[in-house]
Amino acid sequence: MRRNETPMEKESLLALGQKIALLRRKAGLTQLTLSLETGISKTHINDIEKGRRNPSYLTLLRIATGLGVSVKDLLP
């Protein structure tokens, strides 16, 4: 079970997810395509983009690689 995030943490996760979604769309990828390229489930990607998941560094690394950017480029 996940702990309750503070409002600032929730806002940060949402901003991270929005940045990932923006970069994904700019790359012309769907969530499914990014999922297939990274090995991360489409549902997990969707949850990250909606701010419902706190991705690990390795998950961010896989997403960044799939998008052709660095991990720091994912940060809002």
Protein backbone atom coordinates (compact mmCIF):
# COMPACT_ATOMS: atom_id res chain seq x y z
CA MET A 1 0.00 0.00 0.00
CA ARG A 2 1.35 3.39 -0.83
CA ARG A 3 1.65 6.13 1.72
CA ASN A 4 -0.22 9.38 1.38
CA GLU A 5 1.84 12.02 -0.37
CA THR A 6 1.92 15.60 0.74
CA PRO A 7 0.28 18.14 -1.58
CA MET A 8 3.75 19.23 -2.78
CA GLU A 9 4.70 15.63 -3.55
CA LYS A 10 1.44 15.06 -5.45
CA GLU A 11 2.05 18.25 -7.44
CA SER A 12 5.60 17.14 -8.23
CA LEU A 13 4.48 13.72 -9.44
CA LEU A 14 1.83 15.32 -11.63
CA ALA A 15 4.38 17.77 -13.11
CA LEU A 16 6.78 14.88 -13.80
CA GLY A 17 4.04 12.91 -15.51
CA GLN A 18 2.97 15.87 -17.60
CA LYS A 19 6.57 16.43 -18.75
CA ILE A 20 6.93 12.76 -19.73
CA ALA A 21 3.63 12.88 -21.64
CA LEU A 22 4.71 16.07 -23.44
CA LEU A 23 8.05 14.56 -24.48
CA ARG A 24 6.35 11.33 -25.55
CA ARG A 25 3.89 13.22 -27.76
CA LYS A 26 6.70 15.38 -29.20
CA ALA A 27 8.53 12.16 -30.10
CA GLY A 28 5.38 11.00 -31.90
CA LEU A 29 4.93 7.98 -29.62
CA THR A 30 1.82 6.52 -28.10
CA GLN A 31 1.85 5.07 -24.61
CA LEU A 32 1.68 1.62 -26.22
CA THR A 33 4.71 2.28 -28.42
CA LEU A 34 6.70 3.63 -25.47
CA SER A 35 5.63 0.59 -23.49
CA LEU A 36 6.89 -1.78 -26.16
CA GLU A 37 10.19 0.10 -26.47
CA THR A 38 10.86 0.24 -22.72
CA GLY A 39 9.32 -2.96 -21.38
CA ILE A 40 7.21 -0.89 -18.99
CA SER A 41 3.52 -1.73 -19.10
CA LYS A 42 1.19 0.74 -20.80
CA THR A 43 -0.83 0.93 -17.58
CA HIS A 44 2.30 1.82 -15.58
CA ILE A 45 3.22 4.54 -18.10
CA ASN A 46 -0.31 5.90 -17.95
CA ASP A 47 -0.22 5.95 -14.14
CA ILE A 48 3.12 7.81 -14.18
CA GLU A 49 1.80 10.36 -16.68
CA LYS A 50 -1.28 10.94 -14.52
CA GLY A 51 0.84 11.42 -11.38
CA ARG A 52 -0.50 8.26 -9.75
CA ARG A 53 2.87 6.49 -9.55
CA ASN A 54 6.25 7.49 -8.20
CA PRO A 55 8.65 5.91 -10.70
CA SER A 56 12.02 4.58 -9.62
CA TYR A 57 15.21 5.96 -11.08
CA LEU A 58 15.61 2.86 -13.25
CA THR A 59 12.09 3.30 -14.60
CA LEU A 60 12.87 6.93 -15.42
CA LEU A 61 16.09 5.78 -17.10
CA ARG A 62 14.16 3.33 -19.29
CA ILE A 63 11.60 6.00 -20.19
CA ALA A 64 14.32 8.52 -21.00
CA THR A 65 16.12 6.00 -23.19
CA GLY A 66 12.86 5.18 -24.99
CA LEU A 67 12.29 8.87 -25.63
CA GLY A 68 15.89 9.54 -26.67
CA VAL A 69 16.48 12.06 -23.88
CA SER A 70 18.37 12.16 -20.58
CA VAL A 71 16.73 11.56 -17.22
CA LYS A 72 17.26 15.23 -16.33
CA ASP A 73 15.19 16.17 -19.41
CA LEU A 74 12.22 14.36 -17.83
CA LEU A 75 12.28 16.59 -14.77
CA PRO A 76 9.88 19.53 -14.77
